[in-house]
Amino acid sequence: MLNVMSRSGRTVPILCCDCCGAWIANAGLAAAVYKPAVADEEVGQVFLAHKGGCHDQLEARLGGPAPWLELTKYLEDAMHNSGHSLEDQILNRQEDDEIGRL
């Protein structure tokens, strides 16, 4: 889930696990889990989970094994599909380091 956290007088964006609610501090240790789309152009909900127990619990809630992507890959693809390229992100890096990052 998308959340914000107050840190040193700033409000910064963070991702939290949809299973346990805790901050996902390492995207490499998390997954984006979803039910497969049935029809072309159908939009489905995505859940974020820590790998391991949270991922297993989330799949159980969804009714069994579910498709998933590494969270890092999901975020990269979502940025691309929303019109923000990796090149754009690199250009904005200096400003991002000054505001909005932990």
PDB file of N, CA and C in Angstrom:
ATOM      1  N   MET A   1       0.835  -1.161   0.000  1.00  0.00           N
ATOM      2  CA  MET A   1       0.000   0.000   0.000  1.00  0.00           C
ATOM      3  C   MET A   1       0.886   1.231   0.000  1.00  0.00           C
ATOM      4  N   LEU A   2       0.394   2.282  -0.569  1.00  0.00           N
ATOM      5  CA  LEU A   2       1.114   3.549  -0.626  1.00  0.00           C
ATOM      6  C   LEU A   2       0.817   4.336   0.641  1.00  0.00           C
ATOM      7  N   ASN A   3       1.862   4.813   1.301  1.00  0.00           N
ATOM      8  CA  ASN A   3       1.715   5.590   2.526  1.00  0.00           C
ATOM      9  C   ASN A   3       2.741   6.712   2.545  1.00  0.00           C
ATOM     10  N   VAL A   4       2.657   7.549   3.560  1.00  0.00           N
ATOM     11  CA  VAL A   4       3.679   8.562   3.813  1.00  0.00           C
ATOM     12  C   VAL A   4       4.111   8.440   5.265  1.00  0.00           C
ATOM     13  N   MET A   5       5.327   8.921   5.544  1.00  0.00           N
ATOM     14  CA  MET A   5       5.898   8.887   6.888  1.00  0.00           C
ATOM     15  C   MET A   5       6.503  10.259   7.160  1.00  0.00           C
ATOM     16  N   SER A   6       6.388  10.725   8.377  1.00  0.00           N
ATOM     17  CA  SER A   6       7.048  11.951   8.779  1.00  0.00           C
ATOM     18  C   SER A   6       8.439  11.587   9.295  1.00  0.00           C
ATOM     19  N   ARG A   7       9.443  12.255   8.762  1.00  0.00           N
ATOM     20  CA  ARG A   7      10.828  11.960   9.164  1.00  0.00           C
ATOM     21  C   ARG A   7      11.610  13.261   9.124  1.00  0.00           C
ATOM     22  N   SER A   8      12.144  13.662  10.258  1.00  0.00           N
ATOM     23  CA  SER A   8      12.960  14.878  10.370  1.00  0.00           C
ATOM     24  C   SER A   8      12.235  16.106   9.816  1.00  0.00           C
ATOM     25  N   GLY A   9      10.953  16.228  10.137  1.00  0.00           N
ATOM     26  CA  GLY A   9      10.178  17.383   9.701  1.00  0.00           C
ATOM     27  C   GLY A   9       9.710  17.338   8.258  1.00  0.00           C
ATOM     28  N   ARG A  10       9.956  16.236   7.572  1.00  0.00           N
ATOM     29  CA  ARG A  10       9.522  16.097   6.176  1.00  0.00           C
ATOM     30  C   ARG A  10       8.513  14.969   6.080  1.00  0.00           C
ATOM     31  N   THR A  11       7.656  15.034   5.095  1.00  0.00           N
ATOM     32  CA  THR A  11       6.750  13.936   4.789  1.00  0.00           C
ATOM     33  C   THR A  11       7.307  13.223   3.566  1.00  0.00           C
ATOM     34  N   VAL A  12       7.575  11.929   3.714  1.00  0.00           N
ATOM     35  CA  VAL A  12       8.207  11.170   2.632  1.00  0.00           C
ATOM     36  C   VAL A  12       7.345   9.968   2.256  1.00  0.00           C
ATOM     37  N   PRO A  13       7.332   9.606   0.972  1.00  0.00           N
ATOM     38  CA  PRO A  13       6.549   8.453   0.530  1.00  0.00           C
ATOM     39  C   PRO A  13       7.229   7.144   0.904  1.00  0.00           C
ATOM     40  N   ILE A  14       6.402   6.171   1.310  1.00  0.00           N
ATOM     41  CA  ILE A  14       6.900   4.826   1.591  1.00  0.00           C
ATOM     42  C   ILE A  14       5.892   3.800   1.079  1.00  0.00           C
ATOM     43  N   LEU A  15       6.325   2.558   0.957  1.00  0.00           N
ATOM     44  CA  LEU A  15       5.457   1.436   0.618  1.00  0.00           C
ATOM     45  C   LEU A  15       5.335   0.552   1.846  1.00  0.00           C
ATOM     46  N   CYS A  16       4.131   0.047   2.100  1.00  0.00           N
ATOM     47  CA  CYS A  16       3.903  -0.832   3.242  1.00  0.00           C
ATOM     48  C   CYS A  16       3.276  -2.136   2.764  1.00  0.00           C
ATOM     49  N   CYS A  17       3.515  -3.182   3.516  1.00  0.00           N
ATOM     50  CA  CYS A  17       3.007  -4.517   3.222  1.00  0.00           C
ATOM     51  C   CYS A  17       1.493  -4.557   3.452  1.00  0.00           C
ATOM     52  N   ASP A  18       0.751  -5.064   2.477  1.00  0.00           N
ATOM     53  CA  ASP A  18      -0.696  -5.198   2.603  1.00  0.00           C
ATOM     54  C   ASP A  18      -1.081  -6.334   3.535  1.00  0.00           C
ATOM     55  N   CYS A  19      -0.129  -7.131   3.949  1.00  0.00           N
ATOM     56  CA  CYS A  19      -0.419  -8.228   4.870  1.00  0.00           C
ATOM     57  C   CYS A  19      -0.202  -7.793   6.317  1.00  0.00           C
ATOM     58  N   CYS A  20       1.004  -7.344   6.646  1.00  0.00           N
ATOM     59  CA  CYS A  20       1.321  -7.000   8.036  1.00  0.00           C
ATOM     60  C   CYS A  20       1.247  -5.506   8.327  1.00  0.00           C
ATOM     61  N   GLY A  21       1.216  -4.679   7.281  1.00  0.00           N
ATOM     62  CA  GLY A  21       1.128  -3.238   7.456  1.00  0.00           C
ATOM     63  C   GLY A  21       2.450  -2.536   7.691  1.00  0.00           C
ATOM     64  N   ALA A  22       3.542  -3.282   7.821  1.00  0.00           N
ATOM     65  CA  ALA A  22       4.851  -2.690   8.106  1.00  0.00           C
ATOM     66  C   ALA A  22       5.486  -2.105   6.840  1.00  0.00           C
ATOM     67  N   TRP A  23       6.376  -1.150   7.058  1.00  0.00           N
ATOM     68  CA  TRP A  23       7.120  -0.497   5.987  1.00  0.00           C
ATOM     69  C   TRP A  23       7.952  -1.531   5.237  1.00  0.00           C
ATOM     70  N   ILE A  24       7.929  -1.443   3.922  1.00  0.00           N
ATOM     71  CA  ILE A  24       8.812  -2.260   3.073  1.00  0.00           C
ATOM     72  C   ILE A  24      10.072  -1.426   2.856  1.00  0.00           C
ATOM     73  N   ALA A  25      11.074  -1.665   3.664  1.00  0.00           N
ATOM     74  CA  ALA A  25      12.301  -0.877   3.630  1.00  0.00           C
ATOM     75  C   ALA A  25      13.277  -1.360   2.562  1.00  0.00           C
ATOM     76  N   ASN A  26      13.049  -2.565   2.019  1.00  0.00           N
ATOM     77  CA  ASN A  26      13.917  -3.119   0.982  1.00  0.00           C
ATOM     78  C   ASN A  26      13.031  -3.754  -0.089  1.00  0.00           C
ATOM     79  N   ALA A  27      12.849  -3.052  -1.204  1.00  0.00           N
ATOM     80  CA  ALA A  27      11.961  -3.535  -2.267  1.00  0.00           C
ATOM     81  C   ALA A  27      12.433  -4.865  -2.850  1.00  0.00           C
ATOM     82  N   GLY A  28      13.705  -5.175  -2.723  1.00  0.00           N
ATOM     83  CA  GLY A  28      14.222  -6.445  -3.211  1.00  0.00           C
ATOM     84  C   GLY A  28      13.737  -7.634  -2.399  1.00  0.00           C
ATOM     85  N   LEU A  29      13.181  -7.352  -1.220  1.00  0.00           N
ATOM     86  CA  LEU A  29      12.676  -8.411  -0.354  1.00  0.00           C
ATOM     87  C   LEU A  29      11.154  -8.401  -0.299  1.00  0.00           C
ATOM     88  N   ALA A  30      10.534  -7.868  -1.356  1.00  0.00           N
ATOM     89  CA  ALA A  30       9.076  -7.777  -1.396  1.00  0.00           C
ATOM     90  C   ALA A  30       8.567  -8.143  -2.785  1.00  0.00           C
ATOM     91  N   ALA A  31       7.252  -8.379  -2.867  1.00  0.00           N
ATOM     92  CA  ALA A  31       6.623  -8.793  -4.116  1.00  0.00           C
ATOM     93  C   ALA A  31       5.338  -8.005  -4.342  1.00  0.00           C
ATOM     94  N   ALA A  32       4.989  -7.836  -5.613  1.00  0.00           N
ATOM     95  CA  ALA A  32       3.692  -7.300  -6.020  1.00  0.00           C
ATOM     96  C   ALA A  32       2.865  -8.516  -6.453  1.00  0.00           C
ATOM     97  N   VAL A  33       1.796  -8.789  -5.726  1.00  0.00           N
ATOM     98  CA  VAL A  33       0.989  -9.997  -5.914  1.00  0.00           C
ATOM     99  C   VAL A  33      -0.370  -9.573  -6.456  1.00  0.00           C
ATOM    100  N   TYR A  34      -0.903 -10.346  -7.415  1.00  0.00           N
ATOM    101  CA  TYR A  34      -2.167  -9.968  -8.043  1.00  0.00           C
ATOM    102  C   TYR A  34      -2.915 -11.188  -8.540  1.00  0.00           C
ATOM    103  N   LYS A  35      -4.203 -10.996  -8.777  1.00  0.00           N
ATOM    104  CA  LYS A  35      -4.984 -12.030  -9.449  1.00  0.00           C
ATOM    105  C   LYS A  35      -4.835 -11.793 -10.941  1.00  0.00           C
ATOM    106  N   PRO A  36      -4.799 -12.865 -11.743  1.00  0.00           N
ATOM    107  CA  PRO A  36      -4.638 -12.656 -13.186  1.00  0.00           C
ATOM    108  C   PRO A  36      -5.855 -11.952 -13.777  1.00  0.00           C
ATOM    109  N   ALA A  37      -5.611 -11.056 -14.734  1.00  0.00           N
ATOM    110  CA  ALA A  37      -6.689 -10.377 -15.449  1.00  0.00           C
ATOM    111  C   ALA A  37      -7.422 -11.392 -16.319  1.00  0.00           C
ATOM    112  N   VAL A  38      -8.717 -11.222 -16.449  1.00  0.00           N
ATOM    113  CA  VAL A  38      -9.528 -12.156 -17.213  1.00  0.00           C
ATOM    114  C   VAL A  38      -9.738 -11.661 -18.635  1.00  0.00           C
ATOM    115  N   ALA A  39      -9.959 -10.370 -18.823  1.00  0.00           N
ATOM    116  CA  ALA A  39     -10.253  -9.816 -20.140  1.00  0.00           C
ATOM    117  C   ALA A  39      -9.225  -8.742 -20.498  1.00  0.00           C
ATOM    118  N   ASP A  40      -9.038  -8.532 -21.790  1.00  0.00           N
ATOM    119  CA  ASP A  40      -8.134  -7.497 -22.273  1.00  0.00           C
ATOM    120  C   ASP A  40      -8.579  -6.135 -21.728  1.00  0.00           C
ATOM    121  N   GLU A  41      -7.631  -5.317 -21.290  1.00  0.00           N
ATOM    122  CA  GLU A  41      -7.870  -3.987 -20.730  1.00  0.00           C
ATOM    123  C   GLU A  41      -8.515  -4.017 -19.342  1.00  0.00           C
ATOM    124  N   GLU A  42      -8.718  -5.183 -18.769  1.00  0.00           N
ATOM    125  CA  GLU A  42      -9.255  -5.274 -17.408  1.00  0.00           C
ATOM    126  C   GLU A  42      -8.190  -4.796 -16.427  1.00  0.00           C
ATOM    127  N   VAL A  43      -8.604  -4.035 -15.460  1.00  0.00           N
ATOM    128  CA  VAL A  43      -7.694  -3.522 -14.446  1.00  0.00           C
ATOM    129  C   VAL A  43      -7.907  -4.309 -13.160  1.00  0.00           C
ATOM    130  N   GLY A  44      -6.831  -4.774 -12.581  1.00  0.00           N
ATOM    131  CA  GLY A  44      -6.919  -5.547 -11.353  1.00  0.00           C
ATOM    132  C   GLY A  44      -6.134  -4.898 -10.232  1.00  0.00           C
ATOM    133  N   GLN A  45      -6.415  -5.279  -9.031  1.00  0.00           N
ATOM    134  CA  GLN A  45      -5.750  -4.749  -7.851  1.00  0.00           C
ATOM    135  C   GLN A  45      -4.448  -5.496  -7.592  1.00  0.00           C
ATOM    136  N   VAL A  46      -3.452  -4.764  -7.129  1.00  0.00           N
ATOM    137  CA  VAL A  46      -2.147  -5.327  -6.792  1.00  0.00           C
ATOM    138  C   VAL A  46      -1.928  -5.157  -5.295  1.00  0.00           C
ATOM    139  N   PHE A  47      -1.372  -6.181  -4.674  1.00  0.00           N
ATOM    140  CA  PHE A  47      -1.070  -6.152  -3.250  1.00  0.00           C
ATOM    141  C   PHE A  47       0.435  -6.262  -3.073  1.00  0.00           C
ATOM    142  N   LEU A  48       0.970  -5.535  -2.121  1.00  0.00           N
ATOM    143  CA  LEU A  48       2.396  -5.579  -1.832  1.00  0.00           C
ATOM    144  C   LEU A  48       2.619  -6.432  -0.593  1.00  0.00           C
ATOM    145  N   ALA A  49       3.650  -7.265  -0.631  1.00  0.00           N
ATOM    146  CA  ALA A  49       3.915  -8.150   0.503  1.00  0.00           C
ATOM    147  C   ALA A  49       5.401  -8.404   0.657  1.00  0.00           C
ATOM    148  N   HIS A  50       5.841  -8.474   1.918  1.00  0.00           N
ATOM    149  CA  HIS A  50       7.189  -8.969   2.183  1.00  0.00           C
ATOM    150  C   HIS A  50       7.248 -10.411   1.672  1.00  0.00           C
ATOM    151  N   LYS A  51       8.379 -10.789   1.105  1.00  0.00           N
ATOM    152  CA  LYS A  51       8.547 -12.181   0.672  1.00  0.00           C
ATOM    153  C   LYS A  51       8.558 -13.079   1.900  1.00  0.00           C
ATOM    154  N   GLY A  52       8.151 -14.319   1.703  1.00  0.00           N
ATOM    155  CA  GLY A  52       8.120 -15.274   2.811  1.00  0.00           C
ATOM    156  C   GLY A  52       6.729 -15.364   3.398  1.00  0.00           C
ATOM    157  N   GLY A  53       6.638 -15.248   4.721  1.00  0.00           N
ATOM    158  CA  GLY A  53       5.376 -15.449   5.421  1.00  0.00           C
ATOM    159  C   GLY A  53       4.260 -14.512   4.981  1.00  0.00           C
ATOM    160  N   CYS A  54       4.558 -13.236   4.817  1.00  0.00           N
ATOM    161  CA  CYS A  54       3.513 -12.283   4.387  1.00  0.00           C
ATOM    162  C   CYS A  54       3.003 -12.643   2.996  1.00  0.00           C
ATOM    163  N   HIS A  55       3.915 -12.975   2.087  1.00  0.00           N
ATOM    164  CA  HIS A  55       3.527 -13.371   0.727  1.00  0.00           C
ATOM    165  C   HIS A  55       2.619 -14.600   0.791  1.00  0.00           C
ATOM    166  N   ASP A  56       3.010 -15.585   1.575  1.00  0.00           N
ATOM    167  CA  ASP A  56       2.212 -16.812   1.713  1.00  0.00           C
ATOM    168  C   ASP A  56       0.823 -16.511   2.276  1.00  0.00           C
ATOM    169  N   GLN A  57       0.753 -15.675   3.310  1.00  0.00           N
ATOM    170  CA  GLN A  57      -0.538 -15.318   3.905  1.00  0.00           C
ATOM    171  C   GLN A  57      -1.423 -14.569   2.921  1.00  0.00           C
ATOM    172  N   LEU A  58      -0.811 -13.683   2.137  1.00  0.00           N
ATOM    173  CA  LEU A  58      -1.583 -12.925   1.154  1.00  0.00           C
ATOM    174  C   LEU A  58      -2.151 -13.843   0.081  1.00  0.00           C
ATOM    175  N   GLU A  59      -1.338 -14.780  -0.404  1.00  0.00           N
ATOM    176  CA  GLU A  59      -1.841 -15.734  -1.394  1.00  0.00           C
ATOM    177  C   GLU A  59      -2.979 -16.566  -0.818  1.00  0.00           C
ATOM    178  N   ALA A  60      -2.891 -16.950   0.433  1.00  0.00           N
ATOM    179  CA  ALA A  60      -3.971 -17.714   1.067  1.00  0.00           C
ATOM    180  C   ALA A  60      -5.255 -16.890   1.092  1.00  0.00           C
ATOM    181  N   ARG A  61      -5.138 -15.597   1.388  1.00  0.00           N
ATOM    182  CA  ARG A  61      -6.309 -14.708   1.373  1.00  0.00           C
ATOM    183  C   ARG A  61      -6.913 -14.589  -0.016  1.00  0.00           C
ATOM    184  N   LEU A  62      -6.050 -14.673  -1.039  1.00  0.00           N
ATOM    185  CA  LEU A  62      -6.522 -14.558  -2.431  1.00  0.00           C
ATOM    186  C   LEU A  62      -7.036 -15.880  -2.971  1.00  0.00           C
ATOM    187  N   GLY A  63      -6.963 -16.945  -2.189  1.00  0.00           N
ATOM    188  CA  GLY A  63      -7.508 -18.225  -2.603  1.00  0.00           C
ATOM    189  C   GLY A  63      -6.510 -19.218  -3.136  1.00  0.00           C
ATOM    190  N   GLY A  64      -5.232 -18.969  -2.981  1.00  0.00           N
ATOM    191  CA  GLY A  64      -4.216 -19.916  -3.439  1.00  0.00           C
ATOM    192  C   GLY A  64      -3.109 -19.210  -4.192  1.00  0.00           C
ATOM    193  N   PRO A  65      -2.200 -19.981  -4.808  1.00  0.00           N
ATOM    194  CA  PRO A  65      -1.075 -19.371  -5.515  1.00  0.00           C
ATOM    195  C   PRO A  65      -1.543 -18.299  -6.498  1.00  0.00           C
ATOM    196  N   ALA A  66      -0.851 -17.164  -6.469  1.00  0.00           N
ATOM    197  CA  ALA A  66      -1.211 -16.033  -7.325  1.00  0.00           C
ATOM    198  C   ALA A  66       0.026 -15.560  -8.081  1.00  0.00           C
ATOM    199  N   PRO A  67      -0.177 -14.988  -9.262  1.00  0.00           N
ATOM    200  CA  PRO A  67       0.964 -14.424  -9.987  1.00  0.00           C
ATOM    201  C   PRO A  67       1.597 -13.289  -9.173  1.00  0.00           C
ATOM    202  N   TRP A  68       2.889 -13.092  -9.365  1.00  0.00           N
ATOM    203  CA  TRP A  68       3.566 -12.009  -8.672  1.00  0.00           C
ATOM    204  C   TRP A  68       4.805 -11.585  -9.447  1.00  0.00           C
ATOM    205  N   LEU A  69       5.266 -10.385  -9.144  1.00  0.00           N
ATOM    206  CA  LEU A  69       6.508  -9.847  -9.692  1.00  0.00           C
ATOM    207  C   LEU A  69       7.376  -9.374  -8.533  1.00  0.00           C
ATOM    208  N   GLU A  70       8.670  -9.403  -8.731  1.00  0.00           N
ATOM    209  CA  GLU A  70       9.553  -8.745  -7.773  1.00  0.00           C
ATOM    210  C   GLU A  70       9.072  -7.293  -7.671  1.00  0.00           C
ATOM    211  N   LEU A  71       9.021  -6.742  -6.464  1.00  0.00           N
ATOM    212  CA  LEU A  71       8.530  -5.380  -6.304  1.00  0.00           C
ATOM    213  C   LEU A  71       9.372  -4.387  -7.095  1.00  0.00           C
ATOM    214  N   THR A  72      10.677  -4.596  -7.157  1.00  0.00           N
ATOM    215  CA  THR A  72      11.535  -3.689  -7.927  1.00  0.00           C
ATOM    216  C   THR A  72      11.132  -3.673  -9.396  1.00  0.00           C
ATOM    217  N   LYS A  73      10.855  -4.821  -9.969  1.00  0.00           N
ATOM    218  CA  LYS A  73      10.443  -4.917 -11.377  1.00  0.00           C
ATOM    219  C   LYS A  73       9.064  -4.295 -11.579  1.00  0.00           C
ATOM    220  N   TYR A  74       8.144  -4.566 -10.650  1.00  0.00           N
ATOM    221  CA  TYR A  74       6.802  -3.993 -10.750  1.00  0.00           C
ATOM    222  C   TYR A  74       6.876  -2.463 -10.747  1.00  0.00           C
ATOM    223  N   LEU A  75       7.662  -1.886  -9.827  1.00  0.00           N
ATOM    224  CA  LEU A  75       7.774  -0.429  -9.741  1.00  0.00           C
ATOM    225  C   LEU A  75       8.391   0.152 -11.009  1.00  0.00           C
ATOM    226  N   GLU A  76       9.402  -0.517 -11.539  1.00  0.00           N
ATOM    227  CA  GLU A  76      10.041  -0.066 -12.783  1.00  0.00           C
ATOM    228  C   GLU A  76       9.022  -0.061 -13.921  1.00  0.00           C
ATOM    229  N   ASP A  77       8.256  -1.134 -14.056  1.00  0.00           N
ATOM    230  CA  ASP A  77       7.260  -1.232 -15.128  1.00  0.00           C
ATOM    231  C   ASP A  77       6.128  -0.228 -14.926  1.00  0.00           C
ATOM    232  N   ALA A  78       5.694  -0.028 -13.676  1.00  0.00           N
ATOM    233  CA  ALA A  78       4.614   0.929 -13.397  1.00  0.00           C
ATOM    234  C   ALA A  78       5.058   2.352 -13.737  1.00  0.00           C
ATOM    235  N   MET A  79       6.288   2.697 -13.408  1.00  0.00           N
ATOM    236  CA  MET A  79       6.811   4.024 -13.761  1.00  0.00           C
ATOM    237  C   MET A  79       6.818   4.201 -15.276  1.00  0.00           C
ATOM    238  N   HIS A  80       7.294   3.201 -15.988  1.00  0.00           N
ATOM    239  CA  HIS A  80       7.324   3.260 -17.448  1.00  0.00           C
ATOM    240  C   HIS A  80       5.910   3.431 -18.016  1.00  0.00           C
ATOM    241  N   ASN A  81       4.961   2.635 -17.500  1.00  0.00           N
ATOM    242  CA  ASN A  81       3.590   2.665 -18.015  1.00  0.00           C
ATOM    243  C   ASN A  81       2.831   3.925 -17.626  1.00  0.00           C
ATOM    244  N   SER A  82       3.388   4.718 -16.704  1.00  0.00           N
ATOM    245  CA  SER A  82       2.757   5.986 -16.347  1.00  0.00           C
ATOM    246  C   SER A  82       3.466   7.173 -17.010  1.00  0.00           C
ATOM    247  N   GLY A  83       4.357   6.864 -17.948  1.00  0.00           N
ATOM    248  CA  GLY A  83       5.002   7.916 -18.734  1.00  0.00           C
ATOM    249  C   GLY A  83       6.248   8.504 -18.101  1.00  0.00           C
ATOM    250  N   HIS A  84       6.781   7.870 -17.065  1.00  0.00           N
ATOM    251  CA  HIS A  84       7.992   8.373 -16.408  1.00  0.00           C
ATOM    252  C   HIS A  84       9.111   7.377 -16.661  1.00  0.00           C
ATOM    253  N   SER A  85      10.042   7.758 -17.497  1.00  0.00           N
ATOM    254  CA  SER A  85      11.113   6.842 -17.886  1.00  0.00           C
ATOM    255  C   SER A  85      12.249   6.836 -16.868  1.00  0.00           C
ATOM    256  N   LEU A  86      13.088   5.840 -16.973  1.00  0.00           N
ATOM    257  CA  LEU A  86      14.276   5.770 -16.132  1.00  0.00           C
ATOM    258  C   LEU A  86      15.156   6.997 -16.378  1.00  0.00           C
ATOM    259  N   GLU A  87      15.213   7.452 -17.614  1.00  0.00           N
ATOM    260  CA  GLU A  87      15.986   8.648 -17.937  1.00  0.00           C
ATOM    261  C   GLU A  87      15.438   9.867 -17.204  1.00  0.00           C
ATOM    262  N   ASP A  88      14.087   9.991 -17.149  1.00  0.00           N
ATOM    263  CA  ASP A  88      13.464  11.086 -16.399  1.00  0.00           C
ATOM    264  C   ASP A  88      13.857  11.013 -14.934  1.00  0.00           C
ATOM    265  N   GLN A  89      13.858   9.820 -14.393  1.00  0.00           N
ATOM    266  CA  GLN A  89      14.187   9.635 -12.978  1.00  0.00           C
ATOM    267  C   GLN A  89      15.627  10.037 -12.701  1.00  0.00           C
ATOM    268  N   ILE A  90      16.534   9.691 -13.584  1.00  0.00           N
ATOM    269  CA  ILE A  90      17.937  10.056 -13.417  1.00  0.00           C
ATOM    270  C   ILE A  90      18.098  11.572 -13.454  1.00  0.00           C
ATOM    271  N   LEU A  91      17.388  12.247 -14.371  1.00  0.00           N
ATOM    272  CA  LEU A  91      17.458  13.705 -14.464  1.00  0.00           C
ATOM    273  C   LEU A  91      16.933  14.374 -13.199  1.00  0.00           C
ATOM    274  N   ASN A  92      15.951  13.774 -12.571  1.00  0.00           N
ATOM    275  CA  ASN A  92      15.353  14.347 -11.362  1.00  0.00           C
ATOM    276  C   ASN A  92      16.078  13.938 -10.083  1.00  0.00           C
ATOM    277  N   ARG A  93      17.094  13.134 -10.177  1.00  0.00           N
ATOM    278  CA  ARG A  93      17.754  12.548  -9.008  1.00  0.00           C
ATOM    279  C   ARG A  93      18.311  13.587  -8.042  1.00  0.00           C
ATOM    280  N   GLN A  94      18.953  14.640  -8.560  1.00  0.00           N
ATOM    281  CA  GLN A  94      19.560  15.629  -7.673  1.00  0.00           C
ATOM    282  C   GLN A  94      18.491  16.289  -6.806  1.00  0.00           C
ATOM    283  N   GLU A  95      17.373  16.688  -7.394  1.00  0.00           N
ATOM    284  CA  GLU A  95      16.299  17.306  -6.612  1.00  0.00           C
ATOM    285  C   GLU A  95      15.698  16.292  -5.638  1.00  0.00           C
ATOM    286  N   ASP A  96      15.530  15.056  -6.060  1.00  0.00           N
ATOM    287  CA  ASP A  96      14.970  14.016  -5.194  1.00  0.00           C
ATOM    288  C   ASP A  96      15.856  13.748  -3.990  1.00  0.00           C
ATOM    289  N   ASP A  97      17.154  13.862  -4.152  1.00  0.00           N
ATOM    290  CA  ASP A  97      18.054  13.632  -3.030  1.00  0.00           C
ATOM    291  C   ASP A  97      17.925  14.732  -1.984  1.00  0.00           C
ATOM    292  N   GLU A  98      17.478  15.908  -2.422  1.00  0.00           N
ATOM    293  CA  GLU A  98      17.339  17.039  -1.498  1.00  0.00           C
ATOM    294  C   GLU A  98      16.002  17.020  -0.757  1.00  0.00           C
ATOM    295  N   ILE A  99      14.927  16.520  -1.421  1.00  0.00           N
ATOM    296  CA  ILE A  99      13.615  16.487  -0.787  1.00  0.00           C
ATOM    297  C   ILE A  99      12.940  15.148  -1.081  1.00  0.00           C
ATOM    298  N   GLY A 100      12.177  14.660  -0.145  1.00  0.00           N
ATOM    299  CA  GLY A 100      11.353  13.492  -0.386  1.00  0.00           C
ATOM    300  C   GLY A 100      12.010  12.141  -0.218  1.00  0.00           C
ATOM    301  N   ARG A 101      13.244  12.098   0.173  1.00  0.00           N
ATOM    302  CA  ARG A 101      13.912  10.800   0.357  1.00  0.00           C
ATOM    303  C   ARG A 101      14.367  10.664   1.791  1.00  0.00           C
ATOM    304  N   LEU A 102      14.310   9.453   2.307  1.00  0.00           N
ATOM    305  CA  LEU A 102      14.774   9.189   3.678  1.00  0.00           C
ATOM    306  C   LEU A 102      16.283   9.192   3.718  1.00  0.00           C
TER     307      LEU A 102
END
